[in-house]
Amino acid sequence: MSVQQRRERDRAERHRLIVDAARELAEAEGWDAVTTRRLAERVEYSQPVLYSHFKGKDAIVRAVAVQGCADLAELLRAARTAHRSPKAALRAVAVAYLDFAATRPALYDAMFVRKVDLAFGTADSPPELIAAFREFVAVVEPLAGDDDVETLTEVLWSALHGQATLDQGRRLRPAHHRARVDLLLSRFS
């Protein structure tokens, strides 16, 4: 391994450590607790080292969001491909998405709630975001009929996002969670 390759590998490892530490700290204490000082202490690097990887907290949150989209894409793919029936696959993807949001609230917040410099639905979208959206498209496509698949996918995703966000804020009746999912998915008959 060349010196340059080792430096690149070490840099990638530091980047991953910083992103992982930010995710862990945010899940444990919320995004307000994520500061470059605290992250530097957690990963045992100086703040200038952090700034050599990220311009600031917003860039760290962006990296966390991109990584989260990669995780979500894998989760949705596993849920979708575990079922032969298009309706069963749709239900599995919807449940996986809502469970993801409920079990990783700070990560979900970074991905879809916080103001982050990420373009969705454009040529500039990172591949991780595109991969997550493509998993939704793949599960909606067999049920789309004459509807525009991507528009229908956006409507499904929007409805699931609304449920996830309102559930996190305790704005919806908890006992009716399944009924809301059933009602939404019944529109894809």
Protein backbone atom coordinates (compact mmCIF):
# COMPACT_ATOMS: atom_id res chain seq x y z
CA MET A 1 0.00 0.00 0.00
CA SER A 2 1.40 3.37 -0.98
CA VAL A 3 1.70 6.28 1.41
CA GLN A 4 -1.02 8.10 -0.55
CA GLN A 5 -3.38 5.12 -0.34
CA ARG A 6 -2.78 4.83 3.41
CA ARG A 7 -3.48 8.55 3.86
CA GLU A 8 -6.72 8.26 1.87
CA ARG A 9 -7.76 5.20 3.89
CA ASP A 10 -6.98 6.99 7.18
CA ARG A 11 -8.89 10.08 6.04
CA ALA A 12 -11.91 7.97 5.08
CA GLU A 13 -11.77 6.24 8.48
CA ARG A 14 -11.65 9.61 10.31
CA HIS A 15 -14.60 10.81 8.22
CA ARG A 16 -16.60 7.69 9.13
CA LEU A 17 -15.70 8.06 12.83
CA ILE A 18 -16.90 11.67 12.86
CA VAL A 19 -20.18 10.83 11.11
CA ASP A 20 -20.81 7.84 13.39
CA ALA A 21 -20.04 9.90 16.49
CA ALA A 22 -22.44 12.63 15.33
CA ARG A 23 -25.20 10.07 14.76
CA GLU A 24 -24.67 8.48 18.18
CA LEU A 25 -24.55 11.81 20.00
CA ALA A 26 -27.64 13.10 18.19
CA GLU A 27 -29.61 9.94 18.97
CA ALA A 28 -28.55 10.09 22.63
CA GLU A 29 -28.91 13.83 23.28
CA GLY A 30 -30.41 15.53 20.22
CA TRP A 31 -28.85 17.64 17.49
CA ASP A 32 -28.30 20.63 19.78
CA ALA A 33 -25.74 18.52 21.65
CA VAL A 34 -23.74 17.88 18.48
CA THR A 35 -20.95 20.44 18.43
CA THR A 36 -17.52 20.27 16.85
CA ARG A 37 -15.98 20.47 20.32
CA ARG A 38 -17.95 17.47 21.60
CA LEU A 39 -17.31 15.51 18.43
CA ALA A 40 -13.59 16.25 18.61
CA GLU A 41 -13.55 14.93 22.18
CA ARG A 42 -15.50 11.80 21.19
CA VAL A 43 -13.31 10.86 18.25
CA GLU A 44 -10.13 12.05 19.99
CA TYR A 45 -9.08 14.42 17.25
CA SER A 46 -8.61 18.16 17.42
CA GLN A 47 -11.26 20.56 16.14
CA PRO A 48 -8.97 21.59 13.24
CA VAL A 49 -8.94 17.93 12.13
CA LEU A 50 -12.75 17.95 12.14
CA TYR A 51 -12.74 21.16 10.11
CA SER A 52 -10.38 19.52 7.62
CA HIS A 53 -13.21 17.06 6.93
CA PHE A 54 -16.28 19.25 7.39
CA LYS A 55 -16.83 23.01 7.16
CA GLY A 56 -19.07 22.92 10.22
CA LYS A 57 -22.03 21.28 11.86
CA ASP A 58 -24.29 21.66 8.81
CA ALA A 59 -21.83 19.69 6.70
CA ILE A 60 -21.70 16.98 9.37
CA VAL A 61 -25.50 16.78 9.48
CA ARG A 62 -25.50 16.54 5.68
CA ALA A 63 -23.04 13.63 5.79
CA VAL A 64 -25.17 11.91 8.43
CA ALA A 65 -28.26 12.39 6.25
CA VAL A 66 -26.55 10.92 3.19
CA GLN A 67 -25.35 7.94 5.20
CA GLY A 68 -28.84 7.54 6.63
CA CYS A 69 -30.32 7.45 3.13
CA ALA A 70 -27.91 4.65 2.23
CA ASP A 71 -29.05 2.75 5.33
CA LEU A 72 -32.69 3.40 4.48
CA ALA A 73 -32.23 2.20 0.89
CA GLU A 74 -30.81 -1.11 2.14
CA LEU A 75 -33.63 -1.52 4.64
CA LEU A 76 -36.33 -0.76 2.06
CA ARG A 77 -34.71 -3.11 -0.47
CA ALA A 78 -34.70 -5.94 2.07
CA ALA A 79 -38.34 -5.28 2.98
CA ARG A 80 -39.40 -5.09 -0.68
CA THR A 81 -37.56 -8.16 -1.90
CA ALA A 82 -38.75 -10.33 0.99
CA HIS A 83 -42.24 -10.49 -0.58
CA ARG A 84 -43.50 -11.74 -3.94
CA SER A 85 -46.87 -10.05 -3.74
CA PRO A 86 -46.75 -6.36 -4.74
CA LYS A 87 -49.22 -5.45 -1.96
CA ALA A 88 -47.26 -7.37 0.67
CA ALA A 89 -44.05 -5.71 -0.52
CA LEU A 90 -45.71 -2.28 -0.33
CA ARG A 91 -46.87 -2.95 3.24
CA ALA A 92 -43.41 -4.20 4.21
CA VAL A 93 -41.74 -1.09 2.79
CA ALA A 94 -44.24 1.24 4.48
CA VAL A 95 -43.79 -0.48 7.84
CA ALA A 96 -39.99 -0.54 7.45
CA TYR A 97 -39.97 3.19 6.68
CA LEU A 98 -42.16 4.08 9.67
CA ASP A 99 -40.14 1.80 11.96
CA PHE A 100 -36.92 3.41 10.73
CA ALA A 101 -38.29 6.86 11.57
CA ALA A 102 -39.51 5.73 15.01
CA THR A 103 -36.34 3.91 16.04
CA ARG A 104 -33.84 6.47 14.72
CA PRO A 105 -35.53 9.82 15.34
CA ALA A 106 -32.41 11.99 15.23
CA LEU A 107 -31.18 10.31 12.05
CA TYR A 108 -34.61 10.65 10.45
CA ASP A 109 -34.64 14.30 11.53
CA ALA A 110 -31.29 14.89 9.80
CA MET A 111 -32.48 13.15 6.65
CA PHE A 112 -35.93 14.64 6.21
CA VAL A 113 -36.78 17.36 8.73
CA ARG A 114 -33.76 19.57 9.43
CA LYS A 115 -32.76 22.15 6.86
CA VAL A 116 -29.88 20.45 5.09
CA ASP A 117 -28.18 21.34 1.83
CA LEU A 118 -29.33 18.23 -0.05
CA ALA A 119 -31.11 18.24 -3.35
CA PHE A 120 -33.84 15.63 -3.70
CA GLY A 121 -35.30 14.79 -7.09
CA THR A 122 -32.64 16.56 -9.14
CA ALA A 123 -29.62 15.58 -11.19
CA ASP A 124 -27.50 16.84 -8.26
CA SER A 125 -29.02 14.40 -5.77
CA PRO A 126 -26.43 12.14 -4.12
CA PRO A 127 -26.67 8.50 -5.24
CA GLU A 128 -27.71 7.42 -1.73
CA LEU A 129 -30.84 9.60 -1.92
CA ILE A 130 -31.63 8.32 -5.39
CA ALA A 131 -31.22 4.72 -4.21
CA ALA A 132 -33.70 5.21 -1.36
CA PHE A 133 -36.25 6.83 -3.67
CA ARG A 134 -35.75 4.08 -6.27
CA GLU A 135 -36.73 1.49 -3.65
CA PHE A 136 -40.03 3.31 -3.19
CA VAL A 137 -40.49 3.49 -6.96
CA ALA A 138 -39.81 -0.23 -7.31
CA VAL A 139 -42.54 -1.11 -4.83
CA VAL A 140 -45.09 1.37 -6.23
CA GLU A 141 -44.55 0.62 -9.92
CA PRO A 142 -46.48 -2.70 -10.02
CA LEU A 143 -49.47 -0.96 -8.43
CA ALA A 144 -49.38 2.37 -10.28
CA GLY A 145 -51.71 1.53 -13.16
CA ASP A 146 -52.07 4.61 -15.36
CA ASP A 147 -50.67 6.99 -12.73
CA ASP A 148 -47.23 8.56 -13.13
CA VAL A 149 -45.07 6.22 -11.04
CA GLU A 150 -42.73 8.86 -9.63
CA THR A 151 -45.58 11.21 -8.72
CA LEU A 152 -47.49 8.41 -7.03
CA THR A 153 -44.30 7.42 -5.23
CA GLU A 154 -43.85 11.00 -4.00
CA VAL A 155 -47.43 10.99 -2.72
CA LEU A 156 -46.86 7.72 -0.84
CA TRP A 157 -43.57 8.95 0.58
CA SER A 158 -45.17 12.27 1.59
CA ALA A 159 -48.00 10.48 3.39
CA LEU A 160 -45.57 8.17 5.21
CA HIS A 161 -43.34 11.11 6.10
CA GLY A 162 -46.33 13.00 7.47
CA GLN A 163 -47.30 10.04 9.61
CA ALA A 164 -43.73 9.54 10.82
CA THR A 165 -43.28 13.21 11.70
CA LEU A 166 -46.66 13.56 13.38
CA ASP A 167 -46.10 10.30 15.29
CA GLN A 168 -42.74 11.59 16.55
CA GLY A 169 -44.40 14.77 17.75
CA ARG A 170 -47.18 12.75 19.41
CA ARG A 171 -49.74 14.58 17.29
CA LEU A 172 -51.65 11.47 16.20
CA ARG A 173 -53.64 8.94 18.19
CA PRO A 174 -51.19 6.09 18.93
CA ALA A 175 -53.90 3.44 18.99
CA HIS A 176 -54.76 4.22 15.36
CA HIS A 177 -51.31 3.81 13.84
CA ARG A 178 -52.13 0.58 12.01
CA ALA A 179 -55.50 1.92 10.82
CA ARG A 180 -53.76 4.92 9.22
CA VAL A 181 -51.27 2.66 7.43
CA ASP A 182 -54.07 0.32 6.30
CA LEU A 183 -56.12 3.22 4.96
CA LEU A 184 -53.19 4.70 3.06
CA LEU A 185 -52.17 1.37 1.53
CA SER A 186 -55.76 0.53 0.57
CA ARG A 187 -55.53 3.35 -1.98
CA PHE A 188 -53.02 1.24 -3.90
CA SER A 189 -55.49 -1.56 -4.71
